[in-house]
N, C-alpha and C. Protein backbone atom coordinates (compact mmCIF):
# COMPACT_ATOMS: atom_id res chain seq x y z
N UNK A 1 103.77 -14.45 62.39
CA UNK A 1 104.36 -14.94 61.32
C UNK A 1 105.18 -13.50 60.56
N UNK A 2 106.14 -13.69 59.88
CA UNK A 2 106.74 -12.79 59.66
C UNK A 2 106.72 -12.68 58.19
N UNK A 3 107.38 -11.61 57.51
CA UNK A 3 107.54 -11.69 55.84
C UNK A 3 108.19 -12.76 55.43
N UNK A 4 109.38 -12.71 56.03
CA UNK A 4 110.32 -13.90 55.23
C UNK A 4 109.68 -15.16 55.44
N UNK A 5 108.81 -15.32 56.46
CA UNK A 5 107.82 -17.03 56.16
C UNK A 5 106.93 -16.79 55.35
N UNK A 6 106.23 -15.69 55.62
CA UNK A 6 104.82 -15.72 54.57
C UNK A 6 104.92 -15.40 53.16
N UNK A 7 106.08 -14.26 52.98
CA UNK A 7 105.64 -13.80 51.54
C UNK A 7 107.43 -13.93 51.22
N UNK A 8 108.18 -14.78 50.97
CA UNK A 8 109.68 -14.92 50.57
C UNK A 8 110.03 -13.95 49.19
N UNK A 9 109.23 -13.84 48.56
CA UNK A 9 109.60 -13.04 47.20
C UNK A 9 109.86 -11.69 47.80
N UNK A 10 108.85 -11.42 48.51
CA UNK A 10 108.66 -9.89 49.19
C UNK A 10 109.97 -9.59 49.91
N UNK A 11 110.33 -10.54 50.94
CA UNK A 11 111.51 -10.39 51.88
C UNK A 11 112.48 -10.38 50.97
N UNK A 12 112.68 -11.04 49.85
CA UNK A 12 114.07 -10.99 48.71
C UNK A 12 114.17 -9.47 48.31
N UNK A 13 112.91 -9.17 47.87
CA UNK A 13 112.73 -7.76 47.40
C UNK A 13 113.33 -6.68 48.21
N UNK A 14 112.67 -6.60 49.72
CA UNK A 14 113.03 -5.75 50.40
C UNK A 14 114.38 -5.81 50.96
N UNK A 15 115.25 -7.01 51.05
CA UNK A 15 116.55 -7.23 51.38
C UNK A 15 117.38 -6.48 50.18
N UNK A 16 117.04 -6.63 48.61
CA UNK A 16 117.75 -6.23 47.66
C UNK A 16 117.57 -4.50 47.83
N UNK A 17 116.48 -4.15 48.14
CA UNK A 17 116.33 -2.67 48.34
C UNK A 17 117.05 -2.25 49.46
N UNK A 18 117.81 -2.93 50.25
CA UNK A 18 118.68 -2.06 51.23
C UNK A 18 117.99 -2.26 52.59
N UNK A 19 117.17 -3.22 53.01
CA UNK A 19 116.65 -3.07 54.45
C UNK A 19 117.12 -4.33 55.11
N UNK A 20 117.40 -4.12 56.23
CA UNK A 20 117.88 -5.19 57.14
C UNK A 20 117.03 -6.17 57.72
N UNK A 21 117.39 -7.23 58.20
CA UNK A 21 116.47 -7.84 58.90
C UNK A 21 115.74 -7.39 60.00
N UNK A 22 116.15 -6.58 60.77
CA UNK A 22 115.57 -6.10 61.79
C UNK A 22 114.47 -5.03 61.11
N UNK A 23 114.86 -4.12 60.33
CA UNK A 23 113.96 -3.42 59.68
C UNK A 23 112.80 -3.99 59.04
N UNK A 24 113.17 -5.13 58.26
CA UNK A 24 112.03 -6.05 57.97
C UNK A 24 111.10 -6.44 58.69
N UNK A 25 111.84 -6.97 60.04
CA UNK A 25 110.75 -7.69 61.12
C UNK A 25 109.84 -6.71 61.85
N UNK A 26 110.02 -5.42 61.52
CA UNK A 26 109.08 -4.42 61.77
C UNK A 26 107.87 -4.28 61.10
N UNK A 27 107.84 -4.69 60.10
CA UNK A 27 107.20 -4.66 58.57
C UNK A 27 106.04 -5.39 58.62
N UNK A 28 104.92 -4.90 58.07
CA UNK A 28 103.81 -6.13 57.57
C UNK A 28 103.39 -5.61 56.18
N UNK A 29 102.32 -6.39 55.56
CA UNK A 29 101.95 -6.22 54.65
C UNK A 29 101.29 -4.87 54.38
N UNK A 30 100.76 -4.62 55.52
CA UNK A 30 100.34 -3.00 55.66
C UNK A 30 100.91 -2.17 55.55
N UNK A 31 102.21 -2.31 55.81
CA UNK A 31 103.16 -1.23 55.74
C UNK A 31 103.42 -0.27 54.42
N UNK A 32 103.20 0.87 54.36
CA UNK A 32 103.25 1.64 53.39
C UNK A 32 104.44 2.35 52.80
N UNK A 33 104.44 2.32 51.50
CA UNK A 33 105.96 2.88 50.78
C UNK A 33 106.33 4.35 51.21
N UNK A 34 105.22 5.26 50.96
CA UNK A 34 105.46 6.67 51.05
C UNK A 34 105.28 7.08 52.67
N UNK A 35 103.91 6.52 53.22
CA UNK A 35 103.75 6.92 54.22
C UNK A 35 104.43 6.49 55.67
N UNK A 36 104.96 5.23 55.61
CA UNK A 36 105.42 4.66 56.73
C UNK A 36 107.16 4.52 56.48
N UNK A 37 107.35 4.12 55.49
CA UNK A 37 109.12 3.76 54.94
C UNK A 37 109.60 5.16 54.51
N UNK A 38 108.66 6.13 54.19
CA UNK A 38 109.11 7.65 54.00
C UNK A 38 109.95 7.39 52.38
N UNK A 39 109.52 6.67 51.57
CA UNK A 39 110.22 6.73 50.34
C UNK A 39 109.28 7.64 49.56
N UNK A 40 110.10 8.39 48.71
CA UNK A 40 109.32 9.27 47.75
C UNK A 40 109.95 9.64 46.37
N UNK A 41 109.54 10.44 45.60
CA UNK A 41 110.34 10.66 44.41
C UNK A 41 111.05 9.68 43.78
N UNK A 42 112.53 10.05 43.34
CA UNK A 42 113.44 9.00 42.79
C UNK A 42 113.62 7.95 43.47
N UNK A 43 113.52 7.92 44.84
CA UNK A 43 114.10 6.73 45.52
C UNK A 43 112.92 6.06 45.54
N UNK A 44 111.89 6.37 45.79
CA UNK A 44 110.52 5.62 45.46
C UNK A 44 110.61 4.82 44.19
N UNK A 45 111.02 5.33 43.26
CA UNK A 45 110.80 4.73 42.03
C UNK A 45 112.10 4.06 41.59
N UNK A 46 113.13 4.32 42.22
CA UNK A 46 114.35 3.22 42.14
C UNK A 46 114.37 2.13 42.63
N UNK A 47 113.36 2.14 44.21
CA UNK A 47 113.05 1.02 44.79
C UNK A 47 112.45 0.22 44.04
N UNK A 48 111.23 0.64 43.43
CA UNK A 48 110.20 -0.12 42.65
C UNK A 48 110.86 -0.67 41.14
N UNK A 49 111.87 -0.11 40.52
CA UNK A 49 112.67 -0.53 39.51
C UNK A 49 113.39 -1.79 39.69
N UNK A 50 113.72 -2.50 40.79
CA UNK A 50 114.02 -3.69 41.31
C UNK A 50 112.94 -4.74 41.12
N UNK A 51 111.90 -4.23 41.03
CA UNK A 51 110.69 -5.26 40.65
C UNK A 51 111.11 -5.44 39.02
N UNK A 52 111.17 -4.43 38.72
CA UNK A 52 111.43 -4.80 37.02
C UNK A 52 112.58 -5.52 36.57
N UNK A 53 114.07 -4.91 37.11
CA UNK A 53 115.14 -5.44 36.65
C UNK A 53 115.65 -6.61 37.10
N UNK A 54 115.04 -7.06 38.52
CA UNK A 54 115.71 -8.24 39.33
C UNK A 54 114.62 -9.44 39.41
N UNK A 55 113.36 -8.91 39.29
CA UNK A 55 111.99 -10.04 39.48
C UNK A 55 111.12 -10.06 38.28
N UNK A 56 111.75 -9.42 37.04
CA UNK A 56 110.89 -9.42 36.16
C UNK A 56 109.19 -8.96 36.08
N UNK A 57 108.93 -8.09 37.00
CA UNK A 57 107.70 -7.66 37.12
C UNK A 57 107.02 -6.63 36.09
N UNK A 58 106.00 -7.05 35.38
CA UNK A 58 105.68 -5.93 34.31
C UNK A 58 104.91 -4.78 34.98
N UNK A 59 105.64 -3.77 35.18
CA UNK A 59 104.92 -2.51 35.83
C UNK A 59 104.41 -1.64 34.82
N UNK A 60 104.18 -1.91 33.51
CA UNK A 60 103.53 -0.90 32.57
C UNK A 60 102.33 -0.25 32.87
N UNK A 61 101.38 -1.15 34.08
CA UNK A 61 100.12 -0.61 34.38
C UNK A 61 100.40 0.63 35.41
N UNK A 62 101.61 0.55 35.93
CA UNK A 62 101.88 1.15 37.33
C UNK A 62 101.67 2.99 37.14
N UNK A 63 100.82 3.46 37.69
CA UNK A 63 100.90 5.19 37.77
C UNK A 63 101.56 5.62 38.67
N UNK A 64 103.13 5.88 38.55
CA UNK A 64 103.63 6.77 39.85
C UNK A 64 102.94 7.62 40.59
N UNK A 65 102.30 8.63 39.74
CA UNK A 65 101.74 9.88 40.43
C UNK A 65 100.61 9.53 41.30
N UNK A 66 100.08 8.55 41.46
CA UNK A 66 99.02 8.29 42.54
C UNK A 66 99.53 7.84 43.86
N UNK A 67 100.97 7.38 43.65
CA UNK A 67 101.49 6.96 45.11
C UNK A 67 102.68 7.89 45.60
N UNK A 68 103.21 8.94 44.83
CA UNK A 68 104.36 9.62 45.21
C UNK A 68 104.61 11.00 44.63
N UNK A 69 104.65 12.03 45.19
CA UNK A 69 105.14 13.12 44.35
C UNK A 69 106.07 13.26 43.55
N UNK A 70 106.33 13.94 42.73
CA UNK A 70 107.68 13.61 41.76
C UNK A 70 108.84 14.50 42.26
N UNK A 71 109.86 14.17 41.63
CA UNK A 71 110.96 14.95 42.60
C UNK A 71 110.91 16.31 42.35
N UNK A 72 110.63 16.89 41.43
CA UNK A 72 110.13 18.45 41.41
C UNK A 72 109.28 18.92 42.30
N UNK A 73 108.33 18.42 42.66
CA UNK A 73 107.55 18.67 43.92
C UNK A 73 108.04 18.62 45.08
N UNK A 74 109.16 17.61 45.27
CA UNK A 74 110.02 17.57 46.55
C UNK A 74 111.07 18.62 46.52
N UNK A 75 111.68 18.92 45.37
CA UNK A 75 112.75 20.27 45.45
C UNK A 75 112.12 21.53 45.81
N UNK A 76 110.88 21.70 45.00
CA UNK A 76 110.45 22.94 44.96
C UNK A 76 109.49 23.21 45.67
N UNK A 77 108.71 22.68 47.09
CA UNK A 77 107.41 22.79 47.49
C UNK A 77 107.14 24.29 47.92
N UNK A 78 108.17 25.10 48.04
CA UNK A 78 108.20 26.39 48.65
C UNK A 78 107.38 27.18 47.19
N UNK A 79 107.39 26.66 45.99
CA UNK A 79 106.98 27.73 44.84
C UNK A 79 105.77 28.11 45.15
N UNK A 80 105.02 29.16 45.11
CA UNK A 80 103.89 29.63 45.33
C UNK A 80 102.85 29.12 44.66
N UNK A 81 103.02 28.47 43.50
CA UNK A 81 102.30 28.12 42.33
C UNK A 81 101.82 26.66 42.90
N UNK A 82 102.85 26.00 43.46
CA UNK A 82 102.34 24.73 44.35
C UNK A 82 101.24 25.04 45.44
N UNK A 83 101.49 26.15 46.07
CA UNK A 83 100.33 26.34 47.18
C UNK A 83 98.99 26.61 46.44
N UNK A 84 99.03 27.56 45.32
CA UNK A 84 98.04 27.82 44.73
C UNK A 84 97.04 26.78 43.90
N UNK A 85 97.81 25.92 43.36
CA UNK A 85 97.21 24.87 42.61
C UNK A 85 97.15 23.53 43.81
N UNK A 86 97.23 23.65 44.99
CA UNK A 86 96.92 22.76 46.03
C UNK A 86 97.71 21.20 45.57
N UNK A 87 99.16 21.64 45.03
CA UNK A 87 99.81 20.45 44.65
C UNK A 87 100.85 20.22 45.90
N UNK A 88 101.01 20.99 46.72
CA UNK A 88 102.05 20.62 47.94
C UNK A 88 101.96 19.37 48.09
N UNK A 89 103.29 18.47 48.24
CA UNK A 89 103.10 17.08 48.50
C UNK A 89 103.00 16.75 49.81
N UNK A 90 101.99 16.69 50.29
CA UNK A 90 101.73 16.05 51.57
C UNK A 90 101.29 14.75 51.39
N UNK A 91 101.16 13.74 52.27
CA UNK A 91 101.25 12.47 51.94
C UNK A 91 99.72 12.09 51.91
N UNK A 92 99.03 12.92 52.47
CA UNK A 92 97.56 12.33 52.44
C UNK A 92 96.92 12.66 50.97
N UNK A 93 97.85 13.31 50.31
CA UNK A 93 97.26 13.56 48.86
C UNK A 93 97.53 12.29 47.69
N UNK A 94 98.18 11.12 48.24
CA UNK A 94 98.72 10.09 47.55
C UNK A 94 97.93 9.07 48.16
N UNK A 95 97.82 8.10 47.44
CA UNK A 95 97.11 6.99 47.80
C UNK A 95 98.16 5.69 48.41
N UNK A 96 97.99 4.95 49.32
CA UNK A 96 99.09 4.26 49.66
C UNK A 96 99.28 2.91 48.98
N UNK A 97 100.55 2.91 49.09
CA UNK A 97 101.26 1.69 48.36
C UNK A 97 101.78 0.69 49.32
N UNK A 98 100.74 -0.41 49.58
CA UNK A 98 101.28 -1.27 50.28
C UNK A 98 102.39 -2.01 50.15
N UNK A 99 103.33 -2.92 51.05
CA UNK A 99 104.04 -4.15 50.91
C UNK A 99 103.14 -5.38 50.66
N UNK A 100 101.81 -5.24 50.91
CA UNK A 100 100.90 -6.37 50.39
C UNK A 100 100.76 -6.24 48.79
N UNK A 101 100.68 -5.15 48.27
CA UNK A 101 100.38 -4.65 46.98
C UNK A 101 101.85 -5.17 46.26
N UNK A 102 102.85 -5.03 46.55
CA UNK A 102 104.11 -5.43 45.90
C UNK A 102 103.93 -6.82 45.77
N UNK A 103 103.80 -7.50 47.21
CA UNK A 103 103.77 -9.04 47.00
C UNK A 103 102.74 -9.52 46.07
N UNK A 104 101.59 -9.06 45.68
CA UNK A 104 100.81 -9.42 44.84
C UNK A 104 101.31 -9.17 43.25
N UNK A 105 102.23 -8.01 43.22
CA UNK A 105 102.90 -7.82 41.99
C UNK A 105 104.05 -9.02 41.79
N UNK A 106 104.69 -9.29 42.86
CA UNK A 106 105.94 -10.30 42.78
C UNK A 106 105.13 -11.44 42.42
N UNK A 107 104.20 -12.04 42.94
CA UNK A 107 103.55 -13.26 42.85
C UNK A 107 102.95 -13.46 41.43
N UNK A 108 102.20 -12.29 40.82
CA UNK A 108 101.63 -12.72 39.66
C UNK A 108 102.42 -11.83 38.57
N UNK A 109 103.80 -11.33 38.88
CA UNK A 109 104.81 -10.96 37.89
C UNK A 109 104.18 -9.66 37.02
N UNK A 110 103.21 -9.30 37.36
CA UNK A 110 102.64 -7.94 37.11
C UNK A 110 102.17 -6.98 38.03
N UNK A 111 102.07 -5.65 37.61
CA UNK A 111 101.22 -4.85 38.75
C UNK A 111 99.88 -4.82 38.07
N UNK A 112 98.82 -4.58 39.08
CA UNK A 112 97.65 -4.71 38.78
C UNK A 112 96.96 -3.47 39.39
N UNK A 113 96.38 -2.63 38.32
CA UNK A 113 95.86 -1.45 38.59
C UNK A 113 95.07 -1.40 39.99
N UNK A 114 94.79 -0.67 40.80
CA UNK A 114 94.55 -0.53 42.17
C UNK A 114 93.26 0.58 42.05
């Protein structure tokens, strides 16, 4: 089964986010936004903003810092302070946000704290 058949709301979200049918066909509910799709920083947040503006999902409980580095961390990872504080934006420092989690938010119209 593909996402279009099992999660039509998620399929519409991914289409609106700019993914092609071919790209979506390679995704599963376990696909991770940062780790697999390489969405980070503002691009990550802009994509999630679609949930709010076009799908009326309440994202007030969403803590983006758990799932992606900030744009500043991405722009200046070479700063020595980043290394000293252990804040270099490596993927393993962030929890996975999966398409399955987004599907739940779409179905329930609100983000669940995970």
